Protein backbone atom coordinates (compact mmCIF):
# COMPACT_ATOMS: atom_id res chain seq x y z
CA MET A 1 -16.34 -16.54 4.67
CA THR A 2 -12.68 -18.65 4.84
CA ARG A 3 -10.38 -18.39 7.49
CA MET A 4 -8.00 -14.95 6.65
CA ASN A 5 -4.70 -14.51 7.42
CA LEU A 6 -1.86 -11.82 7.62
CA LEU A 7 0.98 -13.38 7.18
CA PRO A 8 4.85 -11.65 6.42
CA PHE A 9 5.50 -11.46 2.57
CA ALA A 10 7.93 -14.21 1.45
CA THR A 11 10.29 -13.87 -1.98
CA ALA A 12 8.21 -16.56 -3.04
CA HIS A 13 5.16 -14.53 -3.51
CA ALA A 14 6.53 -12.09 -5.84
CA ALA A 15 5.79 -13.63 -8.90
CA MET A 16 1.70 -14.38 -8.21
CA VAL A 17 1.94 -10.29 -6.78
CA ALA A 18 3.28 -9.40 -9.71
CA ASP A 19 0.67 -10.83 -12.07
CA TRP A 20 -2.48 -9.07 -10.02
CA PRO A 21 -1.93 -5.47 -12.10
CA THR A 22 -4.35 -6.27 -15.13
CA SER A 23 -3.07 -2.78 -16.99
CA SER A 24 -0.53 -0.36 -17.02
CA ALA A 25 -2.75 2.33 -15.92
CA GLU A 26 -3.64 0.04 -12.24
CA VAL A 27 0.30 -0.59 -11.98
CA VAL A 28 0.64 3.35 -12.06
CA MET A 29 -2.17 3.61 -9.48
CA TRP A 30 -1.05 0.97 -7.63
CA CYS A 31 2.88 1.56 -7.24
CA GLY A 32 3.70 4.65 -9.28
CA ARG A 33 5.67 2.76 -11.65
CA GLN A 34 5.56 3.34 -15.48
CA GLU A 35 6.29 -0.15 -16.47
CA PHE A 36 3.84 -3.19 -17.13
CA PRO A 37 4.16 -5.86 -15.93
CA VAL A 38 5.65 -5.27 -12.93
CA PRO A 39 8.81 -7.67 -12.81
CA ALA A 40 8.80 -9.94 -9.61
CA GLN A 41 12.21 -9.05 -8.99
CA THR A 42 11.51 -5.56 -8.60
CA ILE A 43 8.75 -6.61 -5.94
CA SER A 44 11.42 -8.57 -3.99
CA ALA A 45 13.22 -5.61 -4.31
CA TRP A 46 11.24 -3.59 -2.51
CA GLN A 47 11.85 -5.60 0.63
CA GLN A 48 15.24 -4.65 0.74
CA ASP A 49 14.69 -1.22 2.91
CA ASP A 50 14.63 -2.25 6.45
CA ASP A 51 11.48 0.29 7.10
CA VAL A 52 9.28 -1.36 5.19
CA GLN A 53 7.41 -4.55 5.81
CA ALA A 54 5.34 -6.76 3.53
CA HIS A 55 2.47 -8.64 4.36
CA VAL A 56 0.05 -10.75 2.25
CA LEU A 57 -3.65 -11.51 2.71
CA VAL A 58 -4.34 -15.34 2.38
CA GLU A 59 -7.90 -17.04 2.56
CA GLY A 60 -7.43 -20.59 3.14
CA GLU A 61 -4.28 -21.31 1.16
CA LYS A 62 -4.91 -18.85 -1.36
CA LEU A 63 -2.55 -15.49 -1.73
CA VAL A 64 -5.80 -12.60 -2.31
CA GLY A 65 -3.84 -9.62 -0.91
CA TYR A 66 -0.57 -7.93 -0.79
CA GLY A 67 0.28 -4.54 1.23
CA GLU A 68 2.92 -3.08 3.10
CA LEU A 69 3.97 -0.77 6.00
CA TRP A 70 6.58 1.97 5.61
CA PHE A 71 7.64 2.87 9.09
CA ASP A 72 9.03 6.47 9.59
CA ALA A 73 10.86 6.45 13.18
CA GLU A 74 11.60 9.79 13.15
CA GLU A 75 7.92 11.28 12.24
CA ASP A 76 6.56 8.87 14.67
CA GLU A 77 4.56 7.27 11.91
CA VAL A 78 3.90 4.54 9.45
CA GLU A 79 2.53 4.42 5.93
CA LEU A 80 0.55 1.77 4.16
CA ALA A 81 1.39 1.09 0.67
CA ARG A 82 1.26 -0.27 -2.26
CA ILE A 83 -2.23 -2.33 -1.32
CA ILE A 84 -3.77 -4.89 -3.96
CA VAL A 85 -6.17 -7.46 -4.37
CA ALA A 86 -6.07 -10.49 -6.61
CA PRO A 87 -8.23 -9.60 -9.42
CA GLU A 88 -10.23 -12.98 -8.89
CA ALA A 89 -10.51 -11.96 -5.31
CA ARG A 90 -11.88 -8.22 -6.17
CA GLY A 91 -15.15 -6.84 -5.04
CA LYS A 92 -15.68 -9.13 -2.06
CA GLY A 93 -14.38 -6.88 0.74
CA LEU A 94 -10.87 -8.74 1.03
CA GLY A 95 -8.93 -4.81 0.36
CA ARG A 96 -10.78 -4.00 3.66
CA VAL A 97 -9.99 -6.62 5.63
CA LEU A 98 -6.26 -6.32 4.26
CA VAL A 99 -6.28 -2.52 5.33
CA CYS A 100 -7.76 -3.33 8.88
CA GLY A 101 -5.00 -5.96 9.15
CA LEU A 102 -2.29 -3.77 8.39
CA LEU A 103 -3.63 -1.45 10.13
CA ALA A 104 -3.75 -3.28 13.29
CA GLN A 105 -0.22 -4.00 12.81
CA ALA A 106 0.46 -0.41 12.40
CA HIS A 107 -1.05 0.06 15.68
CA GLU A 108 0.98 -2.35 17.06
CA SER A 109 3.98 -0.32 16.62
CA GLY A 110 3.41 2.26 18.42
CA CYS A 111 3.72 4.75 15.94
CA ALA A 112 1.47 7.76 16.59
CA ASP A 113 0.35 8.57 13.35
CA VAL A 114 -0.69 6.21 10.27
CA PHE A 115 -1.73 7.29 6.96
CA MET A 116 -2.07 6.54 3.20
CA ARG A 117 -2.18 7.92 -0.09
CA VAL A 118 -4.29 7.60 -2.72
CA HIS A 119 -4.57 8.34 -6.59
CA PRO A 120 -7.27 10.29 -7.53
CA ASP A 121 -8.53 7.87 -10.35
CA ASN A 122 -8.34 5.04 -8.07
CA GLU A 123 -12.21 4.31 -7.37
CA LYS A 124 -12.16 1.23 -5.89
CA ALA A 125 -9.78 2.48 -2.57
CA LEU A 126 -11.50 5.78 -2.50
CA LYS A 127 -14.46 3.85 -1.56
CA CYS A 128 -12.71 0.71 0.62
CA TYR A 129 -10.56 3.13 2.78
CA PRO A 130 -13.62 5.34 4.34
CA GLU A 131 -14.63 2.00 5.33
CA ALA A 132 -11.66 1.25 7.31
CA GLY A 133 -11.52 4.74 9.34
CA PHE A 134 -9.45 6.82 7.10
CA VAL A 135 -10.58 10.43 6.10
CA PRO A 136 -8.83 12.61 3.42
CA VAL A 137 -6.57 15.10 5.00
CA ALA A 138 -7.12 19.10 4.39
CA PRO A 139 -6.28 19.66 1.10
CA GLY A 140 -3.31 22.40 2.77
CA LEU A 141 -2.12 19.34 4.32
CA ALA A 142 -2.60 17.33 1.48
CA GLU A 143 -0.62 19.48 -0.44
CA ASN A 144 2.21 19.82 2.02
CA TRP A 145 2.94 16.04 2.06
CA ASN A 146 2.89 15.47 -1.65
CA ALA A 147 5.37 18.68 -2.05
CA ALA A 148 7.64 17.07 0.71
CA MET A 149 7.82 13.91 -1.44
CA CYS A 150 9.06 15.45 -4.21
CA THR A 151 12.14 17.21 -2.16
CA PRO A 152 14.77 14.86 -2.64
CA ALA A 153 16.09 14.85 1.10
CA ARG A 154 12.83 13.65 1.92
CA ARG A 155 12.43 10.76 -0.72
CA SER A 156 13.55 7.14 -0.40
CA SER A 157 13.98 4.67 -2.96
CA ARG A 158 10.87 2.88 -2.04
CA ARG A 159 8.75 6.31 -2.18
CA GLU A 160 10.60 7.72 -4.56
CA GLN A 161 9.14 4.53 -6.85
CA SER A 162 5.82 4.31 -5.64
CA THR A 163 3.72 7.58 -4.98
CA ASP A 164 2.51 10.42 -7.79
CA PRO A 165 2.44 13.78 -6.33
CA CYS A 166 -1.51 14.12 -7.38
CA CYS A 167 -2.20 11.23 -4.80
CA ARG A 168 -4.44 11.98 -2.06
CA PRO A 169 -3.51 11.28 1.55
CA TRP A 170 -5.52 10.23 3.82
CA ALA A 171 -5.28 9.69 7.86
CA ARG A 172 -6.71 7.21 10.69
């Protein structure tokens, strides 16, 4: 396998990442947005939040994955978010490589908890995340986490645009 590197996202990557979702349904599962295609400017704008760190997975010289870490110092947690693999790179285990790389970054932060949310129709993600060590949280906890995301006091611009209230939280 070619050498893999997890690198910081640069604005120059936005147009390529914006082309990866292949349908409006995939956009909803990826980032919760209703517009298809997602404009590159939207992806660049996601980087404006100080508590968001975006990364790209590079195989050799080719960009093959994108994902974000959302840091919440008050809750002492990190959420893995907006994870996507380039269409031509799917089915090769790169989603797991990307998630494991993001997870390593999250652990380096020293936060106590790491979690992610998964759209219930995202079968590929539901298969990938257990392979990276994540497990679904208890239904009651999932309900509480998703309810909190719908409370205006708990939402920020990044989460407001990217979570679906029916997402299944997973923890590690």
